[in-house]
Amino acid sequence: MFPDGLTTRGARLDDARRVADLVEAADLVDIGEKMFDVSDIETDWSSADLDLDHDVLLVERDGELVAWAQVQGDRADADVHPEHRRGGIGRALVAWTEDRARRTGQSKVGQTKIDSLTDARRLFEARGYQPGWDSWILRLPEGAEMTTPELPPGITIRPARPEEDHDVYLVVENAFNEWENRTPRTYEQWRSRVVERPDFDRSLLLVAATDEGPVGVCFGIHYPDEGWADQVAVVREFRGRGLARSMLAALFGELRARGEQQMGLNTDSRTGALGLYLELGMTVSHTFRHWWLPL
């Protein structure tokens, strides 16, 4: 139950900016910097597998948005505006995400929060959540350059062609499905998060390709204040040949040419890739933990 004086409803597409502003306010307090852009919210909300009326909850007081939550598959997101915390809204949001996940037939539900957020950790522990994987935000120091290894014969780095999109999806999906406890995504779900993003730029969807097609993928996003590597994947048989390093160097070089100074990416303990990114000169700026509850 939400505290008295609050109203709840589903979302509309034109609520995305209000939610992005709330998430930014929460992240500035909890993390110290903005971590999401309105384009990320719009991308999620345009996905065919998200029902805005039922999978998203907006919590308002006298027309002011004070909290929100979302359940997409077994992944939940929730934030309370810093000015409205410690009134029981957070507990009610978590209970709502659990109920919504059960109603959609999920076997588990989880949230990822920065590891230093002790109030969230205590809330999750009190409700029986288990610690899952750790994840990290890594940044390439300003002015640092990635050295590019010589590519194996027959492999080139280039933007993906539209007719290759399904092959690109398979490279990413097959690599990511090696992770423990990872929920597979359909081609339509991948498209909605990549080529159908409102800010999608095909020149930033890079592949390492042989004559037979893509064997590596690196998808970049040009945010207003940061260049971002959103997906990096290499076919198992082609790993250890410098393809990931070459694609990242090409992506970050292109983003730098467009005026970006800060470059970042996210990885987690399921991938085993942290060591690679540290070797490339990137540094950890934030550590997060995923908390999950079996339903």
Protein backbone atom coordinates (compact mmCIF):
# COMPACT_ATOMS: atom_id res chain seq x y z
CA MET A 1 0.00 0.00 0.00
CA PHE A 2 1.24 3.46 -0.86
CA PRO A 3 1.10 6.19 1.80
CA ASP A 4 -1.98 8.41 1.97
CA GLY A 5 -2.10 11.37 -0.39
CA LEU A 6 -0.47 9.53 -3.30
CA THR A 7 -2.08 8.46 -6.55
CA THR A 8 -0.80 5.86 -9.00
CA ARG A 9 -1.34 5.21 -12.68
CA GLY A 10 0.27 3.69 -15.72
CA ALA A 11 2.43 5.71 -18.09
CA ARG A 12 2.06 7.43 -21.46
CA LEU A 13 4.85 8.03 -23.94
CA ASP A 14 4.79 11.74 -23.15
CA ASP A 15 5.66 10.94 -19.50
CA ALA A 16 9.18 9.88 -20.52
CA ARG A 17 10.74 13.28 -19.88
CA ARG A 18 9.22 13.52 -16.40
CA VAL A 19 10.55 10.06 -15.52
CA ALA A 20 13.98 10.90 -16.95
CA ASP A 21 14.11 14.03 -14.77
CA LEU A 22 13.16 12.02 -11.67
CA VAL A 23 15.77 9.33 -12.42
CA GLU A 24 18.39 12.04 -12.93
CA ALA A 25 17.56 13.65 -9.58
CA ALA A 26 17.86 10.25 -7.85
CA ASP A 27 21.12 9.37 -9.63
CA LEU A 28 22.74 12.68 -8.77
CA VAL A 29 22.14 11.93 -5.08
CA ASP A 30 22.85 8.18 -5.14
CA ILE A 31 25.64 7.98 -7.73
CA GLY A 32 26.88 11.53 -8.15
CA GLU A 33 26.15 11.82 -11.87
CA LYS A 34 23.44 11.38 -14.46
CA MET A 35 23.29 7.77 -15.67
CA PHE A 36 20.25 7.71 -17.98
CA ASP A 37 19.02 9.81 -20.88
CA VAL A 38 15.42 10.34 -21.92
CA SER A 39 16.22 8.33 -25.07
CA ASP A 40 16.82 5.27 -22.85
CA ILE A 41 13.35 5.64 -21.32
CA GLU A 42 11.76 6.18 -24.73
CA THR A 43 13.54 3.10 -26.09
CA ASP A 44 12.22 0.88 -23.29
CA TRP A 45 8.72 2.31 -23.56
CA SER A 46 8.56 1.79 -27.33
CA SER A 47 9.35 -1.91 -26.96
CA ALA A 48 6.62 -4.30 -28.04
CA ASP A 49 7.09 -6.37 -24.87
CA LEU A 50 6.25 -3.50 -22.50
CA ASP A 51 2.68 -2.56 -21.57
CA LEU A 52 2.79 1.07 -20.43
CA ASP A 53 -0.58 0.80 -18.69
CA HIS A 54 0.45 -2.16 -16.52
CA ASP A 55 4.26 -2.62 -16.58
CA VAL A 56 5.04 0.97 -15.61
CA LEU A 57 3.79 2.68 -12.45
CA LEU A 58 3.90 6.43 -11.83
CA VAL A 59 3.37 7.69 -8.28
CA GLU A 60 2.17 11.28 -7.93
CA ARG A 61 1.26 13.75 -5.21
CA ASP A 62 -0.90 16.67 -6.32
CA GLY A 63 0.28 16.18 -9.89
CA GLU A 64 3.99 16.00 -8.98
CA LEU A 65 5.84 12.82 -9.95
CA VAL A 66 7.46 11.53 -6.77
CA ALA A 67 8.36 7.93 -7.74
CA TRP A 68 8.17 5.42 -10.54
CA ALA A 69 8.73 1.74 -11.20
CA GLN A 70 8.89 -0.55 -14.21
CA VAL A 71 8.95 -4.30 -14.75
CA GLN A 72 10.20 -5.66 -18.05
CA GLY A 73 10.51 -9.43 -17.99
CA ASP A 74 12.37 -10.27 -14.79
CA ARG A 75 14.12 -6.89 -14.60
CA ALA A 76 12.71 -4.13 -12.44
CA ASP A 77 13.65 -0.48 -12.09
CA ALA A 78 12.37 1.86 -9.41
CA ASP A 79 13.29 5.27 -8.00
CA VAL A 80 11.90 7.64 -5.40
CA HIS A 81 12.67 11.33 -5.74
CA PRO A 82 15.22 12.28 -3.04
CA GLU A 83 12.81 14.85 -1.56
CA HIS A 84 10.15 12.18 -0.94
CA ARG A 85 12.15 9.33 0.59
CA ARG A 86 11.77 7.64 3.99
CA GLY A 87 8.00 7.67 3.83
CA GLY A 88 7.40 4.06 2.81
CA ILE A 89 7.20 4.73 -0.94
CA GLY A 90 10.27 2.60 -1.69
CA ARG A 91 8.86 -0.45 0.09
CA ALA A 92 5.57 -0.06 -1.76
CA LEU A 93 7.38 0.20 -5.10
CA VAL A 94 9.36 -2.99 -4.48
CA ALA A 95 6.19 -4.83 -3.49
CA TRP A 96 4.51 -3.62 -6.68
CA THR A 97 7.40 -4.85 -8.86
CA GLU A 98 7.22 -8.29 -7.24
CA ASP A 99 3.46 -8.49 -7.76
CA ARG A 100 3.73 -7.35 -11.37
CA ALA A 101 6.47 -9.89 -12.13
CA ARG A 102 4.33 -12.67 -10.64
CA ARG A 103 1.34 -11.60 -12.71
CA THR A 104 3.40 -11.81 -15.91
CA GLY A 105 4.61 -15.31 -15.07
CA GLN A 106 8.21 -14.55 -14.12
CA SER A 107 10.12 -16.98 -11.91
CA LYS A 108 12.25 -14.19 -10.44
CA VAL A 109 12.58 -10.42 -10.35
CA GLY A 110 15.57 -8.22 -9.64
CA GLN A 111 16.95 -4.70 -9.48
CA THR A 112 20.46 -3.34 -9.94
CA LYS A 113 21.57 -0.60 -7.54
CA ILE A 114 24.88 1.08 -6.78
CA ASP A 115 26.66 -0.96 -4.11
CA SER A 116 27.01 1.97 -1.71
CA LEU A 117 23.23 2.47 -1.43
CA THR A 118 22.81 0.87 2.00
CA ASP A 119 19.11 1.67 2.38
CA ALA A 120 18.31 -0.26 -0.80
CA ARG A 121 20.46 -3.19 0.32
CA ARG A 122 18.68 -3.37 3.67
CA LEU A 123 15.29 -3.24 2.00
CA PHE A 124 16.18 -6.04 -0.41
CA GLU A 125 17.65 -8.21 2.34
CA ALA A 126 14.57 -7.70 4.51
CA ARG A 127 12.37 -8.94 1.67
CA GLY A 128 14.48 -12.04 1.03
CA TYR A 129 16.41 -10.87 -2.02
CA GLN A 130 19.71 -12.56 -2.85
CA PRO A 131 22.85 -10.83 -4.11
CA GLY A 132 23.49 -11.67 -7.75
CA TRP A 133 26.13 -10.38 -10.11
CA ASP A 134 28.26 -7.27 -9.73
CA SER A 135 28.44 -4.77 -12.54
CA TRP A 136 30.77 -1.88 -13.25
CA ILE A 137 30.74 1.40 -15.13
CA LEU A 138 34.13 1.89 -16.77
CA ARG A 139 35.48 5.05 -18.36
CA LEU A 140 38.37 5.72 -20.71
CA PRO A 141 40.42 8.58 -19.23
CA GLU A 142 40.11 11.78 -21.21
CA GLY A 143 42.84 11.97 -23.85
CA ALA A 144 43.75 8.29 -23.54
CA GLU A 145 44.03 6.35 -26.79
CA MET A 146 43.43 2.65 -27.31
CA THR A 147 46.12 0.90 -29.28
CA THR A 148 44.68 -1.06 -32.18
CA PRO A 149 46.12 -4.53 -32.77
CA GLU A 150 46.65 -5.79 -36.28
CA LEU A 151 43.50 -7.52 -37.45
CA PRO A 152 43.63 -11.16 -38.53
CA PRO A 153 43.68 -11.63 -42.31
CA GLY A 154 40.25 -11.45 -43.89
CA ILE A 155 38.58 -9.43 -41.13
CA THR A 156 37.54 -5.79 -41.44
CA ILE A 157 35.86 -3.34 -39.06
CA ARG A 158 32.92 -1.48 -40.64
CA PRO A 159 29.32 -0.37 -39.98
CA ALA A 160 26.73 -3.14 -40.15
CA ARG A 161 24.54 -3.18 -43.25
CA PRO A 162 20.74 -3.23 -42.80
CA GLU A 163 20.48 -6.68 -44.35
CA GLU A 164 22.90 -7.97 -41.69
CA ASP A 165 20.80 -6.92 -38.69
CA HIS A 166 19.58 -10.44 -37.90
CA ASP A 167 23.13 -11.79 -38.12
CA VAL A 168 24.29 -9.00 -35.80
CA TYR A 169 21.54 -9.95 -33.34
CA LEU A 170 22.67 -13.60 -33.40
CA VAL A 171 26.28 -12.65 -32.64
CA VAL A 172 25.16 -10.60 -29.63
CA GLU A 173 22.48 -13.00 -28.42
CA ASN A 174 24.59 -16.15 -28.66
CA ALA A 175 27.48 -14.48 -26.82
CA PHE A 176 25.29 -12.99 -24.08
CA ASN A 177 23.40 -16.25 -23.58
CA GLU A 178 26.64 -17.75 -22.26
CA TRP A 179 26.03 -15.69 -19.12
CA GLU A 180 24.54 -17.41 -16.08
CA ASN A 181 20.92 -16.47 -15.29
CA ARG A 182 20.54 -14.42 -18.47
CA THR A 183 17.03 -14.19 -19.97
CA PRO A 184 17.22 -14.57 -23.78
CA ARG A 185 15.87 -11.80 -26.01
CA THR A 186 14.02 -12.15 -29.28
CA TYR A 187 15.11 -10.44 -32.48
CA GLU A 188 12.21 -8.01 -32.09
CA GLN A 189 13.33 -7.12 -28.55
CA TRP A 190 16.90 -6.56 -29.76
CA ARG A 191 15.71 -4.36 -32.64
CA SER A 192 13.61 -2.24 -30.32
CA ARG A 193 16.66 -1.54 -28.14
CA VAL A 194 19.11 -0.95 -30.98
CA VAL A 195 18.00 -0.05 -34.51
CA GLU A 196 14.66 1.38 -33.36
CA ARG A 197 16.17 3.65 -30.70
CA PRO A 198 15.18 7.27 -31.32
CA ASP A 199 18.88 8.22 -31.45
CA PHE A 200 20.10 5.18 -33.46
CA ASP A 201 23.04 5.91 -35.75
CA ARG A 202 23.99 3.03 -38.05
CA SER A 203 27.53 4.32 -38.41
CA LEU A 204 27.96 3.47 -34.70
CA LEU A 205 26.78 -0.14 -35.09
CA LEU A 206 30.15 -1.65 -35.94
CA VAL A 207 30.95 -5.21 -36.91
CA ALA A 208 34.12 -7.21 -37.31
CA ALA A 209 33.31 -9.10 -40.48
CA THR A 210 34.69 -11.83 -42.69
CA ASP A 211 33.51 -12.41 -46.24
CA GLU A 212 30.76 -14.57 -44.74
CA GLY A 213 29.41 -11.89 -42.41
CA PRO A 214 29.73 -10.46 -38.87
CA VAL A 215 31.77 -12.31 -36.24
CA GLY A 216 31.94 -9.40 -33.80
CA VAL A 217 29.65 -6.51 -32.83
CA CYS A 218 30.17 -3.19 -31.04
CA PHE A 219 27.15 -0.89 -30.74
CA GLY A 220 27.70 2.73 -29.78
CA ILE A 221 25.41 5.49 -28.54
CA HIS A 222 26.24 9.17 -28.95
CA TYR A 223 24.77 10.74 -25.83
CA PRO A 224 24.90 14.54 -25.45
CA ASP A 225 27.68 14.35 -22.87
CA GLU A 226 29.25 10.90 -23.33
CA GLY A 227 30.09 8.29 -25.93
CA TRP A 228 28.92 4.85 -24.90
CA ALA A 229 29.69 1.27 -25.98
CA ASP A 230 26.38 -0.46 -25.30
CA GLN A 231 27.01 -3.97 -26.65
CA VAL A 232 30.33 -5.68 -27.34
CA ALA A 233 30.29 -9.31 -28.46
CA VAL A 234 32.54 -11.67 -30.42
CA VAL A 235 31.75 -15.14 -31.75
CA ARG A 236 33.45 -17.72 -29.53
CA GLU A 237 35.74 -19.11 -32.27
CA PHE A 238 37.10 -15.62 -33.04
CA ARG A 239 37.90 -14.52 -29.49
CA GLY A 240 41.43 -13.78 -28.37
CA ARG A 241 42.36 -12.16 -31.70
CA GLY A 242 41.94 -8.51 -30.73
CA LEU A 243 38.54 -8.00 -32.36
CA ALA A 244 36.88 -6.44 -29.30
CA ARG A 245 39.81 -4.07 -28.81
CA SER A 246 39.77 -3.09 -32.49
CA MET A 247 36.03 -2.44 -32.55
CA LEU A 248 36.16 -0.38 -29.34
CA ALA A 249 39.09 1.65 -30.63
CA ALA A 250 37.21 2.32 -33.88
CA LEU A 251 34.02 3.28 -32.02
CA PHE A 252 35.71 5.56 -29.49
CA GLY A 253 37.80 7.12 -32.26
CA GLU A 254 34.65 7.94 -34.23
CA LEU A 255 32.95 9.39 -31.14
CA ARG A 256 36.02 11.49 -30.35
CA ALA A 257 35.96 12.81 -33.91
CA ARG A 258 32.40 13.99 -33.22
CA GLY A 259 33.50 15.95 -30.18
CA GLU A 260 32.91 13.47 -27.35
CA GLN A 261 35.52 13.61 -24.61
CA GLN A 262 34.18 11.00 -22.17
CA MET A 263 33.83 7.36 -23.21
CA GLY A 264 32.21 4.63 -21.15
CA LEU A 265 30.68 1.19 -21.03
CA ASN A 266 29.07 -1.22 -18.60
CA THR A 267 30.05 -4.82 -17.93
CA ASP A 268 29.27 -7.31 -15.19
CA SER A 269 30.75 -10.32 -13.47
CA ARG A 270 28.86 -12.76 -15.72
CA THR A 271 30.85 -11.70 -18.78
CA GLY A 272 34.40 -12.16 -17.50
CA ALA A 273 35.36 -9.07 -19.54
CA LEU A 274 36.41 -6.71 -16.73
CA GLY A 275 40.08 -7.65 -17.05
CA LEU A 276 40.05 -6.92 -20.78
CA TYR A 277 38.68 -3.42 -20.31
CA LEU A 278 41.17 -2.67 -17.54
CA GLU A 279 43.98 -3.81 -19.84
CA LEU A 280 42.69 -1.38 -22.46
CA GLY A 281 43.26 1.49 -20.05
CA MET A 282 39.70 1.92 -18.79
CA THR A 283 39.04 2.53 -15.10
CA VAL A 284 36.12 1.59 -12.86
CA SER A 285 34.05 4.62 -11.87
CA HIS A 286 31.09 2.88 -10.15
CA THR A 287 30.23 -0.59 -8.85
CA PHE A 288 26.67 -1.92 -8.78
CA ARG A 289 25.05 -5.09 -7.50
CA HIS A 290 22.05 -6.94 -8.85
CA TRP A 291 19.58 -8.16 -6.21
CA TRP A 292 17.05 -10.83 -7.17
CA LEU A 293 14.12 -12.59 -5.57
CA PRO A 294 12.82 -16.02 -6.58
CA LEU A 295 9.05 -15.84 -7.01
